[in-house]
Amino acid sequence: MDKKISTFPQRRSAWSATLLASGALLVFVFLVIGIDQGFHPQLDGLGLVAAGSVMALVPALTWLAIFYWQDHLNPEPLVEVGRTFVIGLALAGALSLPLVEHLFGLRQWLYRDNLSLLAGAVCLLGGVQAFTIYAAVRYFIFYSPEFDERIDGVVYGAAAGLGMACAWNLDFILSSGEAALSSGIVYISEAALAQAAFGSLLGYFLGRAKMERDPVWWLPLGIALTALLEGAFFILSHQVVSGQASLGAGSNIPNVSRLLLAGALVLGITSLVFYLVRRDIQRTLAGNILLPDSNRQEGDRRANFWVIGVVAIMLLAAAAARSAALNRQLTYYSDGLRLSYPASFRQLPASGCILRLADPAHGTAEVSVCLKPRQGEETLEQAAARLEAASAADYELYSMLDQRQASLDSQPALRRSFAWVQASQPGQPPRLRLGEQALALYQGQVLSITLLASEADLPAARLEFEKLLIHITGLKP
């Protein structure tokens, strides 16, 4: 039974504390945005590391202080809370980030179709992040004498979640290659809010498991529910517009819709968690719970086994979705020409071409397959020069970067790379666009297969483009 059970009803309101933290976080967010808009700092090297560390730590420590404040009458030792935060950070760096980003390569297949989005967000991202929070609390603090009431699970769960969020945020800042302060601080604060909420929810399941004799499915249920909510929040937040909100020429601030969504999430979940803790304490006072028996560690081992089993099932589901997303192909067939492309590609209006496809995994990338009339007996090189002249007339600052001999379905072909500048929205700078193209003769015409993408998306999109070219068959001059 909770040693400090009588003190809980005197605790500060979860709503008031959460609103206070939200206000402090918004002040910090707009302070960073003001610095970015007023001074336009360009950071790299140690400056980037320092700015990234501050941006990642301040939101996390703000929320950690609020959860610690909720436990103010009989607070957990600050050293233990800080240790759980560091453990969550370390486990994220050693476990969740490498697993999600490198072993599963989530970014390569997450947006290929609805199934991959659902499996990637819930089973992989949600499952791994939920297990990271669970592992930090269950394996490092669960049996500590300091963990002696239900709300302790909430505090330690939030600490682990915020440590994990801090690691993911540092990776986001450092891997971006530049410090986009305005947009970066919104993303970072959103992640801190969300992981504070999810950590507190899973911490409730752990706190109750410590104080009561729950069925073996209780902790697996907590993992599954947390993973489901993590994935649902990820999907929902990415449906919210995340572009720029113009304040006039030369002045733009990030859209904060996703941050407000995360704020609503943390208000809802933390209020629910503290309500559930109060309800469980009342049940305890009324004698309506079963206390852990003398052989509780055997029950804990069984529950832990089932938690690992649930996470393993989620990872297997994610692996199956990844394989399907990366390998499933559709086929275009016309007059002997056969072209296979990833099923995740979305068909666009052809605009004078026989096929035009968008690659949703790489936002700006699209592929077009076109047939152009061949003039007389011109060679492939002559046709390519004529098409290049037409492109130079159609595109602003068009420039050929490279042209070389190649082979397409065992037929002579030309490969070339080019670039041009695309006009952007008023008040925004023009954007550099890059292209890759394969040209070959086909049934008295010139077949052109073209990839267009931004400079950032081109390297990854080029890999899919090369696979597409390999699968072309039926090409006859």
Protein backbone atom coordinates (compact mmCIF):
# COMPACT_ATOMS: atom_id res chain seq x y z
CA MET A 1 0.00 0.00 0.00
CA ASP A 2 1.20 3.55 -0.71
CA LYS A 3 3.24 4.83 2.21
CA LYS A 4 2.25 8.44 1.42
CA ILE A 5 -1.33 7.74 0.49
CA SER A 6 -2.93 10.39 2.66
CA THR A 7 -0.98 13.25 1.11
CA PHE A 8 -2.13 12.83 -2.47
CA PRO A 9 -5.47 14.71 -2.27
CA GLN A 10 -3.52 17.85 -1.17
CA ARG A 11 -1.38 17.88 -4.29
CA ARG A 12 -1.51 20.83 -6.67
CA SER A 13 -3.98 20.64 -9.51
CA ALA A 14 -2.65 18.78 -12.53
CA TRP A 15 -4.47 21.24 -14.77
CA SER A 16 -2.94 24.35 -13.17
CA ALA A 17 0.57 22.89 -13.20
CA THR A 18 0.24 21.77 -16.80
CA LEU A 19 -1.06 25.17 -17.90
CA LEU A 20 1.85 26.84 -16.10
CA ALA A 21 4.34 24.60 -17.90
CA SER A 22 2.60 25.22 -21.24
CA GLY A 23 2.81 28.98 -20.70
CA ALA A 24 6.50 28.81 -19.80
CA LEU A 25 7.20 26.66 -22.83
CA LEU A 26 5.36 29.04 -25.18
CA VAL A 27 7.39 31.96 -23.80
CA PHE A 28 10.59 30.04 -24.57
CA VAL A 29 9.36 29.10 -28.05
CA PHE A 30 8.53 32.68 -29.00
CA LEU A 31 11.77 33.93 -27.46
CA VAL A 32 13.74 31.62 -29.76
CA ILE A 33 11.58 32.62 -32.74
CA GLY A 34 12.17 36.30 -31.91
CA ILE A 35 15.94 35.77 -31.78
CA ASP A 36 15.84 33.92 -35.09
CA GLN A 37 13.70 36.55 -36.81
CA GLY A 38 15.58 39.50 -35.34
CA PHE A 39 19.18 38.34 -35.69
CA HIS A 40 19.07 35.49 -38.27
CA PRO A 41 21.97 33.59 -36.63
CA GLN A 42 23.86 31.14 -38.83
CA LEU A 43 25.16 28.36 -36.59
CA ASP A 44 27.43 25.42 -37.26
CA GLY A 45 30.07 23.41 -35.45
CA LEU A 46 30.20 24.06 -31.71
CA GLY A 47 27.62 26.83 -32.03
CA LEU A 48 25.15 24.38 -33.53
CA VAL A 49 25.87 21.81 -30.80
CA ALA A 50 25.39 24.42 -28.08
CA ALA A 51 22.17 25.82 -29.57
CA GLY A 52 20.81 22.32 -30.18
CA SER A 53 21.58 21.24 -26.62
CA VAL A 54 19.84 24.27 -25.10
CA MET A 55 16.82 23.90 -27.41
CA ALA A 56 16.52 20.19 -26.57
CA LEU A 57 17.08 20.51 -22.82
CA VAL A 58 14.95 23.52 -21.87
CA PRO A 59 11.53 22.07 -22.91
CA ALA A 60 12.42 18.69 -21.38
CA LEU A 61 13.61 20.16 -18.06
CA THR A 62 10.58 22.47 -17.90
CA TRP A 63 8.20 19.54 -18.03
CA LEU A 64 10.36 17.44 -15.73
CA ALA A 65 10.18 20.22 -13.14
CA ILE A 66 6.38 20.31 -13.42
CA PHE A 67 6.00 16.57 -12.87
CA TYR A 68 8.44 16.78 -9.97
CA TRP A 69 6.42 19.68 -8.55
CA GLN A 70 3.29 17.54 -8.62
CA ASP A 71 5.06 15.30 -6.11
CA HIS A 72 5.99 18.26 -3.89
CA LEU A 73 4.76 17.00 -0.51
CA ASN A 74 6.87 13.82 -0.61
CA PRO A 75 9.04 14.29 -3.70
CA GLU A 76 11.25 11.62 -5.14
CA PRO A 77 14.99 12.18 -4.65
CA LEU A 78 16.08 14.60 -7.34
CA VAL A 79 19.09 12.38 -8.05
CA GLU A 80 16.82 9.42 -8.88
CA VAL A 81 14.58 11.52 -11.13
CA GLY A 82 17.62 12.96 -12.89
CA ARG A 83 19.12 9.49 -13.24
CA THR A 84 15.94 8.20 -14.88
CA PHE A 85 16.03 11.15 -17.28
CA VAL A 86 19.62 10.32 -18.23
CA ILE A 87 18.80 6.62 -18.60
CA GLY A 88 15.92 7.47 -20.94
CA LEU A 89 18.27 9.67 -22.98
CA ALA A 90 20.98 6.98 -23.09
CA LEU A 91 18.57 4.18 -24.05
CA ALA A 92 17.18 6.34 -26.85
CA GLY A 93 20.68 6.93 -28.21
CA ALA A 94 21.69 3.28 -27.84
CA LEU A 95 18.41 1.55 -28.69
CA SER A 96 15.49 3.45 -30.21
CA LEU A 97 17.32 5.80 -32.59
CA PRO A 98 19.59 3.12 -34.14
CA LEU A 99 16.69 0.65 -34.36
CA VAL A 100 14.26 3.06 -36.03
CA GLU A 101 16.61 5.13 -38.18
CA HIS A 102 19.25 2.60 -39.21
CA LEU A 103 18.10 -1.00 -38.80
CA PHE A 104 14.54 -0.39 -40.06
CA GLY A 105 15.33 2.76 -42.09
CA LEU A 106 11.87 4.16 -41.28
CA ARG A 107 12.16 7.27 -43.46
CA GLN A 108 12.65 5.17 -46.60
CA TRP A 109 9.24 3.50 -46.43
CA LEU A 110 7.00 5.27 -43.89
CA TYR A 111 4.99 7.30 -46.40
CA ARG A 112 4.75 4.74 -49.18
CA ASP A 113 1.13 3.82 -48.47
CA ASN A 114 -1.44 3.84 -45.67
CA LEU A 115 -0.41 0.42 -44.36
CA SER A 116 3.26 1.38 -44.09
CA LEU A 117 2.30 4.66 -42.38
CA LEU A 118 0.14 2.85 -39.81
CA ALA A 119 2.65 0.05 -39.15
CA GLY A 120 5.62 2.42 -39.09
CA ALA A 121 4.00 4.95 -36.78
CA VAL A 122 2.32 2.53 -34.34
CA CYS A 123 4.29 -0.73 -34.43
CA LEU A 124 7.80 0.62 -35.01
CA LEU A 125 8.00 4.21 -33.80
CA GLY A 126 5.32 3.88 -31.10
CA GLY A 127 6.40 0.40 -29.99
CA VAL A 128 10.10 1.25 -29.75
CA GLN A 129 9.53 4.54 -27.94
CA ALA A 130 7.07 2.99 -25.50
CA PHE A 131 9.50 0.16 -24.73
CA THR A 132 12.35 2.65 -24.21
CA ILE A 133 10.31 4.42 -21.51
CA TYR A 134 9.28 1.08 -20.00
CA ALA A 135 12.86 -0.22 -19.94
CA ALA A 136 14.21 2.93 -18.27
CA VAL A 137 11.71 2.62 -15.40
CA ARG A 138 11.17 -1.15 -15.17
CA TYR A 139 14.82 -2.23 -15.27
CA PHE A 140 16.49 0.66 -13.40
CA ILE A 141 14.13 2.14 -10.78
CA PHE A 142 11.13 -0.19 -10.35
CA TYR A 143 12.47 -2.07 -7.31
CA SER A 144 14.03 0.99 -5.65
CA PRO A 145 12.72 1.72 -2.13
CA GLU A 146 12.06 5.27 -3.35
CA PHE A 147 9.42 3.93 -5.78
CA ASP A 148 6.77 3.48 -3.10
CA GLU A 149 3.56 5.07 -4.40
CA ARG A 150 1.57 5.18 -7.61
CA ILE A 151 2.44 8.73 -8.60
CA ASP A 152 6.13 7.83 -8.47
CA GLY A 153 5.54 5.80 -11.62
CA VAL A 154 4.09 8.90 -13.29
CA VAL A 155 7.10 11.02 -12.30
CA TYR A 156 9.69 8.43 -13.35
CA GLY A 157 7.79 7.62 -16.57
CA ALA A 158 7.67 11.30 -17.51
CA ALA A 159 11.39 11.64 -16.70
CA ALA A 160 12.26 8.68 -18.95
CA GLY A 161 10.02 9.99 -21.75
CA LEU A 162 11.56 13.44 -21.58
CA GLY A 163 15.07 11.98 -21.61
CA MET A 164 14.16 10.01 -24.72
CA ALA A 165 12.65 13.12 -26.34
CA CYS A 166 15.84 15.03 -25.57
CA ALA A 167 17.94 12.42 -27.42
CA TRP A 168 15.63 12.45 -30.47
CA ASN A 169 15.64 16.26 -30.49
CA LEU A 170 19.43 16.47 -30.33
CA ASP A 171 19.62 14.04 -33.24
CA PHE A 172 17.13 16.20 -35.18
CA ILE A 173 19.15 19.40 -34.63
CA LEU A 174 22.57 17.90 -35.32
CA SER A 175 21.54 15.85 -38.34
CA SER A 176 19.85 18.83 -40.01
CA GLY A 177 23.24 20.33 -40.81
CA GLU A 178 22.03 23.81 -39.90
CA ALA A 179 20.16 25.44 -37.07
CA ALA A 180 16.73 26.41 -38.32
CA LEU A 181 15.87 27.89 -34.94
CA SER A 182 12.27 28.92 -35.56
CA SER A 183 11.03 25.67 -37.04
CA GLY A 184 13.39 23.59 -34.91
CA ILE A 185 12.14 24.90 -31.57
CA VAL A 186 8.52 24.19 -32.52
CA TYR A 187 9.36 20.59 -33.45
CA ILE A 188 11.44 20.10 -30.30
CA SER A 189 8.82 21.53 -27.95
CA GLU A 190 6.13 19.41 -29.61
CA ALA A 191 8.21 16.26 -29.03
CA ALA A 192 8.84 17.17 -25.38
CA LEU A 193 5.12 17.77 -24.76
CA ALA A 194 4.11 14.50 -26.40
CA GLN A 195 6.71 12.34 -24.63
CA ALA A 196 5.89 13.91 -21.27
CA ALA A 197 2.28 12.82 -21.80
CA PHE A 198 3.09 9.32 -23.04
CA GLY A 199 5.72 8.79 -20.35
CA SER A 200 3.26 9.75 -17.62
CA LEU A 201 0.63 7.40 -19.06
CA LEU A 202 2.97 4.40 -19.18
CA GLY A 203 4.29 5.44 -15.77
CA TYR A 204 0.75 5.10 -14.40
CA PHE A 205 0.64 1.48 -15.57
CA LEU A 206 4.04 0.85 -13.96
CA GLY A 207 3.06 2.60 -10.72
CA ARG A 208 -0.10 0.54 -10.39
CA ALA A 209 1.83 -2.65 -11.22
CA LYS A 210 4.21 -1.82 -8.35
CA MET A 211 1.45 -1.17 -5.81
CA GLU A 212 -1.16 -3.78 -6.78
CA ARG A 213 -1.44 -7.42 -7.83
CA ASP A 214 -2.58 -6.85 -11.40
CA PRO A 215 -3.17 -9.56 -14.04
CA VAL A 216 -0.27 -10.54 -16.28
CA TRP A 217 -1.71 -8.56 -19.19
CA TRP A 218 -1.70 -5.22 -17.34
CA LEU A 219 1.77 -4.01 -18.35
CA PRO A 220 1.53 -5.39 -21.93
CA LEU A 221 -1.73 -3.43 -22.19
CA GLY A 222 0.10 -0.29 -21.07
CA ILE A 223 2.79 -0.80 -23.72
CA ALA A 224 0.25 -1.47 -26.47
CA LEU A 225 -1.93 1.52 -25.53
CA THR A 226 1.05 3.87 -25.32
CA ALA A 227 2.35 2.66 -28.70
CA LEU A 228 -1.08 3.12 -30.26
CA LEU A 229 -1.40 6.67 -28.93
CA GLU A 230 2.19 7.52 -29.94
CA GLY A 231 1.47 6.36 -33.48
CA ALA A 232 -1.92 8.07 -33.66
CA PHE A 233 -0.42 11.36 -32.47
CA PHE A 234 2.41 11.09 -35.02
CA ILE A 235 -0.04 10.49 -37.87
CA LEU A 236 -2.44 13.20 -36.74
CA SER A 237 0.28 15.79 -36.14
CA HIS A 238 1.66 15.21 -39.62
CA GLN A 239 -1.77 15.86 -41.11
CA VAL A 240 -1.72 19.34 -39.58
CA VAL A 241 -0.32 22.05 -41.84
CA SER A 242 3.30 22.62 -40.87
CA GLY A 243 4.35 25.25 -43.38
CA GLN A 244 5.07 28.92 -42.84
CA ALA A 245 2.63 31.57 -41.66
CA SER A 246 3.53 34.83 -43.36
CA LEU A 247 3.72 38.04 -41.33
CA GLY A 248 4.70 40.17 -44.28
CA ALA A 249 7.55 40.42 -46.73
CA GLY A 250 10.74 38.98 -45.28
CA SER A 251 9.08 37.99 -42.00
CA ASN A 252 7.85 34.45 -41.40
CA ILE A 253 7.25 32.36 -38.30
CA PRO A 254 6.59 28.62 -38.18
CA ASN A 255 3.06 27.36 -38.01
CA VAL A 256 2.45 26.29 -34.39
CA SER A 257 -0.64 24.15 -35.03
CA ARG A 258 1.19 20.92 -34.19
CA LEU A 259 2.55 22.46 -30.99
CA LEU A 260 -0.98 23.41 -29.92
CA LEU A 261 -2.12 19.87 -30.72
CA ALA A 262 0.66 18.49 -28.50
CA GLY A 263 -0.38 20.90 -25.75
CA ALA A 264 -3.96 19.65 -25.89
CA LEU A 265 -2.65 16.08 -25.75
CA VAL A 266 -0.57 16.64 -22.65
CA LEU A 267 -3.40 18.47 -20.89
CA GLY A 268 -5.78 15.60 -21.61
CA ILE A 269 -3.46 12.73 -20.75
CA THR A 270 -1.93 14.22 -17.58
CA SER A 271 -5.37 15.15 -16.24
CA LEU A 272 -6.59 11.61 -16.95
CA VAL A 273 -3.52 10.07 -15.31
CA PHE A 274 -3.87 12.07 -12.10
CA TYR A 275 -7.58 11.29 -11.97
CA LEU A 276 -6.79 7.56 -12.29
CA VAL A 277 -4.16 7.77 -9.55
CA ARG A 278 -6.65 9.44 -7.19
CA ARG A 279 -9.28 6.84 -8.06
CA ASP A 280 -6.87 3.98 -7.33
CA ILE A 281 -5.93 5.50 -3.99
CA GLN A 282 -9.60 5.69 -3.05
CA ARG A 283 -9.95 2.01 -4.01
CA THR A 284 -6.98 1.21 -1.80
CA LEU A 285 -8.46 3.09 1.16
CA ALA A 286 -11.71 1.18 0.65
CA GLY A 287 -9.83 -2.14 0.65
CA ASN A 288 -10.87 -2.98 -2.92
CA ILE A 289 -7.44 -3.95 -4.29
CA LEU A 290 -5.18 -6.97 -4.06
CA LEU A 291 -1.75 -6.13 -2.68
CA PRO A 292 1.36 -7.78 -4.18
CA ASP A 293 2.02 -11.21 -2.66
CA SER A 294 5.30 -12.50 -1.28
CA ASN A 295 6.19 -14.06 -4.63
CA ARG A 296 5.58 -10.88 -6.61
CA GLN A 297 8.83 -11.10 -8.58
CA GLU A 298 7.61 -14.26 -10.32
CA GLY A 299 4.50 -12.37 -11.48
CA ASP A 300 6.68 -9.44 -12.54
CA ARG A 301 8.87 -11.74 -14.63
CA ARG A 302 5.83 -13.18 -16.41
CA ALA A 303 4.47 -9.69 -17.11
CA ASN A 304 7.88 -8.59 -18.39
CA PHE A 305 8.03 -11.64 -20.67
CA TRP A 306 4.66 -10.70 -22.17
CA VAL A 307 5.75 -7.08 -22.61
CA ILE A 308 8.77 -8.23 -24.61
CA GLY A 309 6.49 -10.54 -26.60
CA VAL A 310 4.11 -7.70 -27.47
CA VAL A 311 6.99 -5.47 -28.59
CA ALA A 312 8.47 -8.34 -30.65
CA ILE A 313 5.12 -8.83 -32.40
CA MET A 314 4.96 -5.12 -33.19
CA LEU A 315 8.49 -5.19 -34.62
CA LEU A 316 7.64 -8.22 -36.77
CA ALA A 317 4.56 -6.40 -38.07
CA ALA A 318 6.71 -3.37 -38.87
CA ALA A 319 9.26 -5.56 -40.66
CA ALA A 320 6.51 -7.14 -42.77
CA ALA A 321 5.09 -3.72 -43.66
CA ARG A 322 8.57 -2.46 -44.52
CA SER A 323 9.21 -5.43 -46.83
CA ALA A 324 5.85 -4.98 -48.56
CA ALA A 325 6.37 -1.24 -48.96
CA LEU A 326 9.86 -1.56 -50.42
CA ASN A 327 9.23 -4.54 -52.69
CA ARG A 328 5.65 -4.34 -54.01
CA GLN A 329 5.57 -3.21 -57.63
CA LEU A 330 2.95 -2.10 -60.15
CA THR A 331 3.37 -2.43 -63.92
CA TYR A 332 2.61 -0.09 -66.79
CA TYR A 333 2.30 -1.84 -70.18
CA SER A 334 1.73 -0.29 -73.63
CA ASP A 335 2.67 -1.49 -77.13
CA GLY A 336 5.33 -3.87 -75.85
CA LEU A 337 6.88 -1.34 -73.45
CA ARG A 338 6.76 -2.65 -69.89
CA LEU A 339 7.71 -0.50 -66.91
CA SER A 340 7.56 -1.60 -63.25
CA TYR A 341 7.50 0.97 -60.45
CA PRO A 342 6.91 0.96 -56.65
CA ALA A 343 3.27 0.52 -55.68
CA SER A 344 3.63 3.52 -53.36
CA PHE A 345 4.07 5.86 -56.34
CA ARG A 346 0.97 7.93 -57.02
CA GLN A 347 -0.19 8.62 -60.58
CA LEU A 348 -0.50 12.29 -61.55
CA PRO A 349 -2.15 13.91 -64.57
CA ALA A 350 0.10 12.97 -67.47
CA SER A 351 0.36 16.48 -69.03
CA GLY A 352 1.24 15.23 -72.51
CA CYS A 353 3.26 12.24 -71.30
CA ILE A 354 2.20 8.62 -71.19
CA LEU A 355 2.86 8.28 -67.44
CA ARG A 356 3.61 10.68 -64.60
CA LEU A 357 4.26 9.51 -61.04
CA ALA A 358 4.84 11.17 -57.67
CA ASP A 359 7.13 9.56 -55.10
CA PRO A 360 5.47 10.24 -51.70
CA ALA A 361 8.50 8.98 -49.79
CA HIS A 362 10.53 11.91 -51.14
CA GLY A 363 8.15 14.84 -51.15
CA THR A 364 9.30 16.83 -54.19
CA ALA A 365 10.25 13.88 -56.40
CA GLU A 366 8.27 12.92 -59.50
CA VAL A 367 8.95 10.74 -62.54
CA SER A 368 7.56 11.25 -66.04
CA VAL A 369 7.65 8.89 -69.03
CA CYS A 370 7.14 10.71 -72.33
CA LEU A 371 7.28 9.94 -76.04
CA LYS A 372 8.47 12.78 -78.29
CA PRO A 373 8.29 12.73 -82.12
CA ARG A 374 11.55 11.95 -83.86
CA GLN A 375 12.40 14.29 -86.73
CA GLY A 376 13.39 12.38 -89.84
CA GLU A 377 16.39 10.14 -89.38
CA GLU A 378 18.00 12.12 -86.59
CA THR A 379 20.26 10.21 -84.25
CA LEU A 380 19.67 9.90 -80.54
CA GLU A 381 22.35 12.53 -79.88
CA GLN A 382 20.68 14.96 -82.32
CA ALA A 383 17.28 14.36 -80.74
CA ALA A 384 18.78 14.95 -77.28
CA ALA A 385 20.29 18.27 -78.40
CA ARG A 386 16.93 19.38 -79.80
CA LEU A 387 15.10 18.46 -76.60
CA GLU A 388 17.75 20.24 -74.53
CA ALA A 389 17.21 23.44 -76.52
CA ALA A 390 13.45 23.16 -75.91
CA SER A 391 14.02 22.67 -72.17
CA ALA A 392 16.33 25.71 -72.02
CA ALA A 393 13.50 27.78 -73.51
CA ASP A 394 10.89 26.41 -71.08
CA TYR A 395 12.82 26.56 -67.78
CA GLU A 396 14.46 29.53 -66.06
CA LEU A 397 18.25 29.33 -65.76
CA TYR A 398 18.27 25.80 -67.22
CA SER A 399 21.73 24.21 -67.17
CA MET A 400 22.96 20.83 -68.40
CA LEU A 401 25.29 19.35 -65.78
CA ASP A 402 26.33 16.07 -67.40
CA GLN A 403 25.62 13.85 -70.42
CA ARG A 404 26.99 10.35 -71.02
CA GLN A 405 26.42 7.18 -73.01
CA ALA A 406 24.37 4.47 -71.31
CA SER A 407 22.25 1.39 -71.94
CA LEU A 408 18.51 0.89 -71.39
CA ASP A 409 17.05 -2.62 -71.80
CA SER A 410 20.22 -3.51 -73.75
CA GLN A 411 19.56 -0.65 -76.16
CA PRO A 412 21.79 2.44 -76.67
CA ALA A 413 20.69 5.33 -74.48
CA LEU A 414 21.84 8.67 -73.13
CA ARG A 415 21.88 9.69 -69.47
CA ARG A 416 22.04 13.29 -68.44
CA SER A 417 21.74 15.48 -65.35
CA PHE A 418 20.43 19.04 -65.34
CA ALA A 419 19.24 21.85 -63.07
CA TRP A 420 17.01 24.89 -63.22
CA VAL A 421 15.55 27.51 -60.90
CA GLN A 422 11.85 27.32 -60.07
CA ALA A 423 9.92 30.42 -59.06
CA SER A 424 8.46 30.25 -55.56
CA GLN A 425 5.66 31.94 -53.62
CA PRO A 426 5.76 35.75 -53.19
CA GLY A 427 8.20 36.71 -50.47
CA GLN A 428 10.04 33.37 -50.72
CA PRO A 429 13.38 32.79 -52.49
CA PRO A 430 13.40 30.77 -55.75
CA ARG A 431 14.13 27.07 -55.41
CA LEU A 432 16.80 25.02 -57.11
CA ARG A 433 15.44 21.91 -58.84
CA LEU A 434 17.53 19.04 -60.18
CA GLY A 435 16.78 16.37 -62.74
CA GLU A 436 18.00 13.01 -64.04
CA GLN A 437 16.95 11.79 -67.48
CA ALA A 438 17.32 8.70 -69.65
CA LEU A 439 16.74 8.98 -73.44
CA ALA A 440 16.35 6.16 -75.97
CA LEU A 441 14.77 5.55 -79.38
CA TYR A 442 11.50 3.58 -79.32
CA GLN A 443 9.27 2.77 -82.34
CA GLY A 444 10.43 5.78 -84.32
CA GLN A 445 10.05 8.14 -81.38
CA VAL A 446 12.24 9.46 -78.56
CA LEU A 447 11.47 7.94 -75.16
CA SER A 448 12.41 10.18 -72.24
CA ILE A 449 12.22 9.03 -68.61
CA THR A 450 12.82 11.94 -66.25
CA LEU A 451 13.23 12.36 -62.50
CA LEU A 452 12.66 15.82 -60.99
CA ALA A 453 13.39 16.60 -57.34
CA SER A 454 14.73 19.18 -54.94
CA GLU A 455 18.40 19.16 -54.06
CA ALA A 456 17.58 17.61 -50.66
CA ASP A 457 15.34 14.84 -52.04
CA LEU A 458 17.37 13.90 -55.12
CA PRO A 459 19.95 11.50 -53.58
CA ALA A 460 17.31 9.20 -52.05
CA ALA A 461 14.87 9.55 -54.96
CA ARG A 462 17.63 8.67 -57.42
CA LEU A 463 17.89 5.17 -55.92
CA GLU A 464 14.24 4.44 -56.79
CA PHE A 465 14.76 5.99 -60.24
CA GLU A 466 17.66 3.64 -60.98
CA LYS A 467 15.54 0.63 -59.96
CA LEU A 468 12.78 1.83 -62.27
CA LEU A 469 15.18 2.02 -65.22
CA ILE A 470 16.44 -1.49 -64.53
CA HIS A 471 12.91 -2.90 -64.77
CA ILE A 472 12.08 -1.41 -68.19
CA THR A 473 11.62 -4.06 -70.87
CA GLY A 474 10.30 -4.23 -74.43
CA LEU A 475 12.31 -1.26 -75.64
CA LYS A 476 12.96 -1.54 -79.37
CA PRO A 477 14.22 1.31 -81.57
